[in-house]
């Protein structure tokens, strides 16, 4: 009985996670969470403006690796929570498959609490607010890449790097930046044709 109820709940969350409402609800919640953390972090911050800038830059840098880590080692694995939704995205790139709207915010708040055990609350909130904005930038970038047809060469190249990932899923895990693909050797390199 309990197993059936749990399965039913997980199935309903999985269905909800494919809806446009879930996708945009997560965006609004994350935007409010990120703004709240940055505002509160600035209020609590005791250091200099340079320290605050360091927290923001550290958060964005950390997120760039988190994005790569999850895409490569979580979404492309056999962990059902991640792999199922990501597999659906590869099958239907124009769909609204995403995590349940409440999950990223919960994870970000837990990570913020853990950071506060190590650094000051102001620094932790600024840093994790930046991580949250990195996550928002990732989500919007990913959406735009799949829903907008670019004409500008730089934007075409940026979007093309992710489209290549859909044909070569063991490459180009970074969406917002190719940094970690370059560093860890997973950037797609086109093989020259033999003549």
C-alpha atoms as a PDB file:
ATOM      1  CA  UNK A   1       0.000   0.000   0.000  1.00  0.00           C
ATOM      2  CA  UNK A   2       2.724   2.482   1.015  1.00  0.00           C
ATOM      3  CA  UNK A   3       4.776   1.526  -2.028  1.00  0.00           C
ATOM      4  CA  UNK A   4       1.749   2.095  -4.306  1.00  0.00           C
ATOM      5  CA  UNK A   5       1.088   5.523  -2.752  1.00  0.00           C
ATOM      6  CA  UNK A   6       4.747   6.495  -3.109  1.00  0.00           C
ATOM      7  CA  UNK A   7       4.796   5.318  -6.732  1.00  0.00           C
ATOM      8  CA  UNK A   8       1.609   7.271  -7.452  1.00  0.00           C
ATOM      9  CA  UNK A   9       3.079  10.402  -5.869  1.00  0.00           C
ATOM     10  CA  UNK A  10       6.334  10.086  -7.821  1.00  0.00           C
ATOM     11  CA  UNK A  11       4.427   9.523 -11.066  1.00  0.00           C
ATOM     12  CA  UNK A  12       2.299  12.627 -10.475  1.00  0.00           C
ATOM     13  CA  UNK A  13       5.421  14.701  -9.699  1.00  0.00           C
ATOM     14  CA  UNK A  14       7.043  13.360 -12.887  1.00  0.00           C
ATOM     15  CA  UNK A  15       3.971  14.348 -14.948  1.00  0.00           C
ATOM     16  CA  UNK A  16       3.823  17.775 -13.311  1.00  0.00           C
ATOM     17  CA  UNK A  17       7.528  18.293 -14.086  1.00  0.00           C
ATOM     18  CA  UNK A  18       6.814  18.199 -17.819  1.00  0.00           C
ATOM     19  CA  UNK A  19       4.376  21.104 -17.748  1.00  0.00           C
ATOM     20  CA  UNK A  20       4.880  24.703 -18.753  1.00  0.00           C
ATOM     21  CA  UNK A  21       3.387  25.770 -15.407  1.00  0.00           C
ATOM     22  CA  UNK A  22       6.022  23.821 -13.457  1.00  0.00           C
ATOM     23  CA  UNK A  23       8.810  25.271 -15.615  1.00  0.00           C
ATOM     24  CA  UNK A  24       7.792  28.906 -15.138  1.00  0.00           C
ATOM     25  CA  UNK A  25       6.810  28.426 -11.467  1.00  0.00           C
ATOM     26  CA  UNK A  26      10.355  27.234 -10.805  1.00  0.00           C
ATOM     27  CA  UNK A  27      11.723  30.297 -12.623  1.00  0.00           C
ATOM     28  CA  UNK A  28       9.621  32.707 -10.515  1.00  0.00           C
ATOM     29  CA  UNK A  29      10.438  30.922  -7.241  1.00  0.00           C
ATOM     30  CA  UNK A  30      14.160  30.798  -8.024  1.00  0.00           C
ATOM     31  CA  UNK A  31      14.200  34.450  -9.077  1.00  0.00           C
ATOM     32  CA  UNK A  32      12.542  35.503  -5.808  1.00  0.00           C
ATOM     33  CA  UNK A  33      14.868  33.226  -3.822  1.00  0.00           C
ATOM     34  CA  UNK A  34      18.010  34.542  -5.532  1.00  0.00           C
ATOM     35  CA  UNK A  35      16.954  38.188  -5.135  1.00  0.00           C
ATOM     36  CA  UNK A  36      16.072  37.583  -1.493  1.00  0.00           C
ATOM     37  CA  UNK A  37      19.406  35.919  -0.764  1.00  0.00           C
ATOM     38  CA  UNK A  38      21.433  38.662  -2.473  1.00  0.00           C
ATOM     39  CA  UNK A  39      19.455  41.410  -0.708  1.00  0.00           C
ATOM     40  CA  UNK A  40      19.742  39.733   2.697  1.00  0.00           C
ATOM     41  CA  UNK A  41      23.404  38.902   2.063  1.00  0.00           C
ATOM     42  CA  UNK A  42      24.144  42.554   1.292  1.00  0.00           C
ATOM     43  CA  UNK A  43      22.318  43.618   4.479  1.00  0.00           C
ATOM     44  CA  UNK A  44      24.292  41.167   6.628  1.00  0.00           C
ATOM     45  CA  UNK A  45      27.647  41.568   4.884  1.00  0.00           C
ATOM     46  CA  UNK A  46      30.259  42.998   7.258  1.00  0.00           C
ATOM     47  CA  UNK A  47      33.225  43.097   4.873  1.00  0.00           C
ATOM     48  CA  UNK A  48      34.261  45.422   2.092  1.00  0.00           C
ATOM     49  CA  UNK A  49      32.625  45.801  -1.310  1.00  0.00           C
ATOM     50  CA  UNK A  50      35.551  43.761  -2.685  1.00  0.00           C
ATOM     51  CA  UNK A  51      34.628  40.892  -0.342  1.00  0.00           C
ATOM     52  CA  UNK A  52      31.027  41.083  -1.566  1.00  0.00           C
ATOM     53  CA  UNK A  53      32.212  41.024  -5.191  1.00  0.00           C
ATOM     54  CA  UNK A  54      34.393  38.012  -4.373  1.00  0.00           C
ATOM     55  CA  UNK A  55      31.354  36.199  -2.937  1.00  0.00           C
ATOM     56  CA  UNK A  56      29.342  36.910  -6.087  1.00  0.00           C
ATOM     57  CA  UNK A  57      32.152  35.838  -8.450  1.00  0.00           C
ATOM     58  CA  UNK A  58      32.860  32.731  -6.373  1.00  0.00           C
ATOM     59  CA  UNK A  59      29.169  31.813  -6.533  1.00  0.00           C
ATOM     60  CA  UNK A  60      29.048  32.190 -10.323  1.00  0.00           C
ATOM     61  CA  UNK A  61      32.272  30.209 -10.743  1.00  0.00           C
ATOM     62  CA  UNK A  62      31.008  27.480  -8.411  1.00  0.00           C
ATOM     63  CA  UNK A  63      27.753  27.289 -10.334  1.00  0.00           C
ATOM     64  CA  UNK A  64      29.602  26.802 -13.620  1.00  0.00           C
ATOM     65  CA  UNK A  65      31.056  23.594 -12.188  1.00  0.00           C
ATOM     66  CA  UNK A  66      27.758  22.542 -10.569  1.00  0.00           C
ATOM     67  CA  UNK A  67      26.072  22.901 -13.973  1.00  0.00           C
ATOM     68  CA  UNK A  68      28.733  20.722 -15.606  1.00  0.00           C
ATOM     69  CA  UNK A  69      28.752  18.196 -12.740  1.00  0.00           C
ATOM     70  CA  UNK A  70      24.992  17.647 -12.764  1.00  0.00           C
ATOM     71  CA  UNK A  71      24.696  17.519 -16.524  1.00  0.00           C
ATOM     72  CA  UNK A  72      27.569  15.085 -16.963  1.00  0.00           C
ATOM     73  CA  UNK A  73      27.465  12.883 -13.881  1.00  0.00           C
ATOM     74  CA  UNK A  74      23.857  13.072 -12.701  1.00  0.00           C
ATOM     75  CA  UNK A  75      21.635  13.630 -15.753  1.00  0.00           C
ATOM     76  CA  UNK A  76      23.541  11.118 -17.894  1.00  0.00           C
ATOM     77  CA  UNK A  77      23.402   8.273 -15.359  1.00  0.00           C
ATOM     78  CA  UNK A  78      20.907   5.695 -14.184  1.00  0.00           C
ATOM     79  CA  UNK A  79      19.597   7.773 -11.244  1.00  0.00           C
ATOM     80  CA  UNK A  80      15.850   7.817 -12.045  1.00  0.00           C
ATOM     81  CA  UNK A  81      15.102  11.257 -10.563  1.00  0.00           C
ATOM     82  CA  UNK A  82      17.575  12.884 -12.941  1.00  0.00           C
ATOM     83  CA  UNK A  83      18.021  10.477 -15.845  1.00  0.00           C
ATOM     84  CA  UNK A  84      14.344  10.005 -16.730  1.00  0.00           C
ATOM     85  CA  UNK A  85      13.596  13.703 -17.144  1.00  0.00           C
ATOM     86  CA  UNK A  86      16.830  14.346 -18.981  1.00  0.00           C
ATOM     87  CA  UNK A  87      16.232  11.420 -21.322  1.00  0.00           C
ATOM     88  CA  UNK A  88      12.813  12.914 -22.097  1.00  0.00           C
ATOM     89  CA  UNK A  89      14.521  16.222 -22.852  1.00  0.00           C
ATOM     90  CA  UNK A  90      16.866  14.525 -25.324  1.00  0.00           C
ATOM     91  CA  UNK A  91      13.858  12.897 -26.989  1.00  0.00           C
ATOM     92  CA  UNK A  92      11.770  16.128 -26.995  1.00  0.00           C
ATOM     93  CA  UNK A  93      14.120  19.112 -26.756  1.00  0.00           C
ATOM     94  CA  UNK A  94      11.261  21.603 -27.166  1.00  0.00           C
ATOM     95  CA  UNK A  95       9.340  20.191 -24.194  1.00  0.00           C
ATOM     96  CA  UNK A  96       9.188  21.640 -20.718  1.00  0.00           C
ATOM     97  CA  UNK A  97      10.851  18.751 -18.911  1.00  0.00           C
ATOM     98  CA  UNK A  98      12.523  20.026 -15.758  1.00  0.00           C
ATOM     99  CA  UNK A  99      12.932  19.299 -12.086  1.00  0.00           C
ATOM    100  CA  UNK A 100       9.862  19.705  -9.862  1.00  0.00           C
ATOM    101  CA  UNK A 101       9.431  23.436  -9.180  1.00  0.00           C
ATOM    102  CA  UNK A 102      10.102  23.087  -5.455  1.00  0.00           C
ATOM    103  CA  UNK A 103      13.255  20.941  -5.590  1.00  0.00           C
ATOM    104  CA  UNK A 104      15.969  23.436  -6.692  1.00  0.00           C
ATOM    105  CA  UNK A 105      14.889  25.996  -4.096  1.00  0.00           C
ATOM    106  CA  UNK A 106      15.002  23.419  -1.309  1.00  0.00           C
ATOM    107  CA  UNK A 107      18.468  22.255  -2.384  1.00  0.00           C
ATOM    108  CA  UNK A 108      19.728  25.853  -2.631  1.00  0.00           C
ATOM    109  CA  UNK A 109      18.438  26.679   0.854  1.00  0.00           C
ATOM    110  CA  UNK A 110      20.061  23.568   2.345  1.00  0.00           C
ATOM    111  CA  UNK A 111      23.371  24.390   0.645  1.00  0.00           C
ATOM    112  CA  UNK A 112      23.129  27.977   1.899  1.00  0.00           C
ATOM    113  CA  UNK A 113      22.655  26.713   5.443  1.00  0.00           C
ATOM    114  CA  UNK A 114      25.696  24.465   5.082  1.00  0.00           C
ATOM    115  CA  UNK A 115      27.765  27.370   3.739  1.00  0.00           C
ATOM    116  CA  UNK A 116      26.770  29.444   6.766  1.00  0.00           C
ATOM    117  CA  UNK A 117      28.490  26.847   8.943  1.00  0.00           C
ATOM    118  CA  UNK A 118      31.792  27.680   7.228  1.00  0.00           C
ATOM    119  CA  UNK A 119      31.638  31.383   6.265  1.00  0.00           C
ATOM    120  CA  UNK A 120      29.738  34.434   7.496  1.00  0.00           C
ATOM    121  CA  UNK A 121      26.028  34.536   6.748  1.00  0.00           C
ATOM    122  CA  UNK A 122      26.399  37.637   4.551  1.00  0.00           C
ATOM    123  CA  UNK A 123      29.122  36.036   2.431  1.00  0.00           C
ATOM    124  CA  UNK A 124      27.182  32.741   2.213  1.00  0.00           C
ATOM    125  CA  UNK A 125      23.965  34.472   1.163  1.00  0.00           C
ATOM    126  CA  UNK A 126      25.720  36.587  -1.489  1.00  0.00           C
ATOM    127  CA  UNK A 127      27.579  33.550  -2.823  1.00  0.00           C
ATOM    128  CA  UNK A 128      24.546  31.262  -2.880  1.00  0.00           C
ATOM    129  CA  UNK A 129      22.349  34.030  -4.287  1.00  0.00           C
ATOM    130  CA  UNK A 130      24.840  34.170  -7.153  1.00  0.00           C
ATOM    131  CA  UNK A 131      24.673  30.386  -7.499  1.00  0.00           C
ATOM    132  CA  UNK A 132      20.888  30.781  -7.730  1.00  0.00           C
ATOM    133  CA  UNK A 133      21.228  33.421 -10.446  1.00  0.00           C
ATOM    134  CA  UNK A 134      23.684  31.134 -12.248  1.00  0.00           C
ATOM    135  CA  UNK A 135      21.042  28.421 -12.150  1.00  0.00           C
ATOM    136  CA  UNK A 136      18.438  30.844 -13.498  1.00  0.00           C
ATOM    137  CA  UNK A 137      20.824  31.891 -16.288  1.00  0.00           C
ATOM    138  CA  UNK A 138      21.373  28.230 -17.106  1.00  0.00           C
ATOM    139  CA  UNK A 139      17.630  27.534 -17.255  1.00  0.00           C
ATOM    140  CA  UNK A 140      16.890  30.559 -19.419  1.00  0.00           C
ATOM    141  CA  UNK A 141      19.892  29.904 -21.660  1.00  0.00           C
ATOM    142  CA  UNK A 142      18.838  26.317 -22.173  1.00  0.00           C
ATOM    143  CA  UNK A 143      15.270  27.354 -22.951  1.00  0.00           C
ATOM    144  CA  UNK A 144      16.412  30.049 -25.391  1.00  0.00           C
ATOM    145  CA  UNK A 145      18.847  27.711 -27.145  1.00  0.00           C
ATOM    146  CA  UNK A 146      15.994  25.316 -27.942  1.00  0.00           C
ATOM    147  CA  UNK A 147      13.267  27.872 -28.697  1.00  0.00           C
ATOM    148  CA  UNK A 148      15.016  30.703 -30.564  1.00  0.00           C
ATOM    149  CA  UNK A 149      16.608  30.585 -34.011  1.00  0.00           C
ATOM    150  CA  UNK A 150      19.663  32.833 -33.968  1.00  0.00           C
ATOM    151  CA  UNK A 151      21.191  34.739 -36.864  1.00  0.00           C
ATOM    152  CA  UNK A 152      24.210  36.305 -35.165  1.00  0.00           C
ATOM    153  CA  UNK A 153      27.338  34.125 -35.656  1.00  0.00           C
ATOM    154  CA  UNK A 154      28.396  34.186 -31.981  1.00  0.00           C
ATOM    155  CA  UNK A 155      24.924  33.217 -30.787  1.00  0.00           C
ATOM    156  CA  UNK A 156      24.703  30.523 -33.467  1.00  0.00           C
ATOM    157  CA  UNK A 157      28.002  29.077 -32.267  1.00  0.00           C
ATOM    158  CA  UNK A 158      26.891  29.198 -28.623  1.00  0.00           C
ATOM    159  CA  UNK A 159      23.580  27.463 -29.346  1.00  0.00           C
ATOM    160  CA  UNK A 160      25.253  25.048 -31.754  1.00  0.00           C
ATOM    161  CA  UNK A 161      27.583  23.790 -29.029  1.00  0.00           C
ATOM    162  CA  UNK A 162      24.573  22.604 -27.046  1.00  0.00           C
ATOM    163  CA  UNK A 163      22.783  21.194 -30.092  1.00  0.00           C
ATOM    164  CA  UNK A 164      25.914  19.113 -30.755  1.00  0.00           C
ATOM    165  CA  UNK A 165      25.448  17.617 -27.282  1.00  0.00           C
ATOM    166  CA  UNK A 166      22.099  16.193 -28.394  1.00  0.00           C
ATOM    167  CA  UNK A 167      23.881  14.264 -31.169  1.00  0.00           C
ATOM    168  CA  UNK A 168      27.021  13.478 -29.160  1.00  0.00           C
ATOM    169  CA  UNK A 169      25.735  13.130 -25.580  1.00  0.00           C
ATOM    170  CA  UNK A 170      29.198  12.405 -24.162  1.00  0.00           C
ATOM    171  CA  UNK A 171      30.373  15.936 -25.083  1.00  0.00           C
ATOM    172  CA  UNK A 172      29.519  19.604 -24.471  1.00  0.00           C
ATOM    173  CA  UNK A 173      27.923  19.341 -21.027  1.00  0.00           C
ATOM    174  CA  UNK A 174      28.277  23.066 -20.308  1.00  0.00           C
ATOM    175  CA  UNK A 175      25.362  25.219 -21.441  1.00  0.00           C
ATOM    176  CA  UNK A 176      26.305  28.642 -20.092  1.00  0.00           C
ATOM    177  CA  UNK A 177      30.054  28.176 -20.539  1.00  0.00           C
ATOM    178  CA  UNK A 178      32.397  25.689 -22.241  1.00  0.00           C
ATOM    179  CA  UNK A 179      34.980  26.160 -19.452  1.00  0.00           C
ATOM    180  CA  UNK A 180      34.674  22.753 -17.789  1.00  0.00           C
ATOM    181  CA  UNK A 181      34.311  20.920 -21.111  1.00  0.00           C
ATOM    182  CA  UNK A 182      37.654  22.424 -22.110  1.00  0.00           C
ATOM    183  CA  UNK A 183      39.319  21.740 -18.750  1.00  0.00           C
ATOM    184  CA  UNK A 184      37.980  18.164 -18.445  1.00  0.00           C
ATOM    185  CA  UNK A 185      38.346  17.224 -22.116  1.00  0.00           C
ATOM    186  CA  UNK A 186      34.685  16.779 -23.043  1.00  0.00           C
ATOM    187  CA  UNK A 187      34.391  19.603 -25.559  1.00  0.00           C
ATOM    188  CA  UNK A 188      33.285  18.287 -28.943  1.00  0.00           C
ATOM    189  CA  UNK A 189      36.015  18.498 -31.537  1.00  0.00           C
ATOM    190  CA  UNK A 190      34.898  18.073 -35.109  1.00  0.00           C
ATOM    191  CA  UNK A 191      36.975  15.522 -36.933  1.00  0.00           C
ATOM    192  CA  UNK A 192      38.280  16.688 -40.275  1.00  0.00           C
ATOM    193  CA  UNK A 193      37.127  14.750 -43.297  1.00  0.00           C
ATOM    194  CA  UNK A 194      39.703  12.590 -44.959  1.00  0.00           C
ATOM    195  CA  UNK A 195      40.138  13.359 -48.644  1.00  0.00           C
END
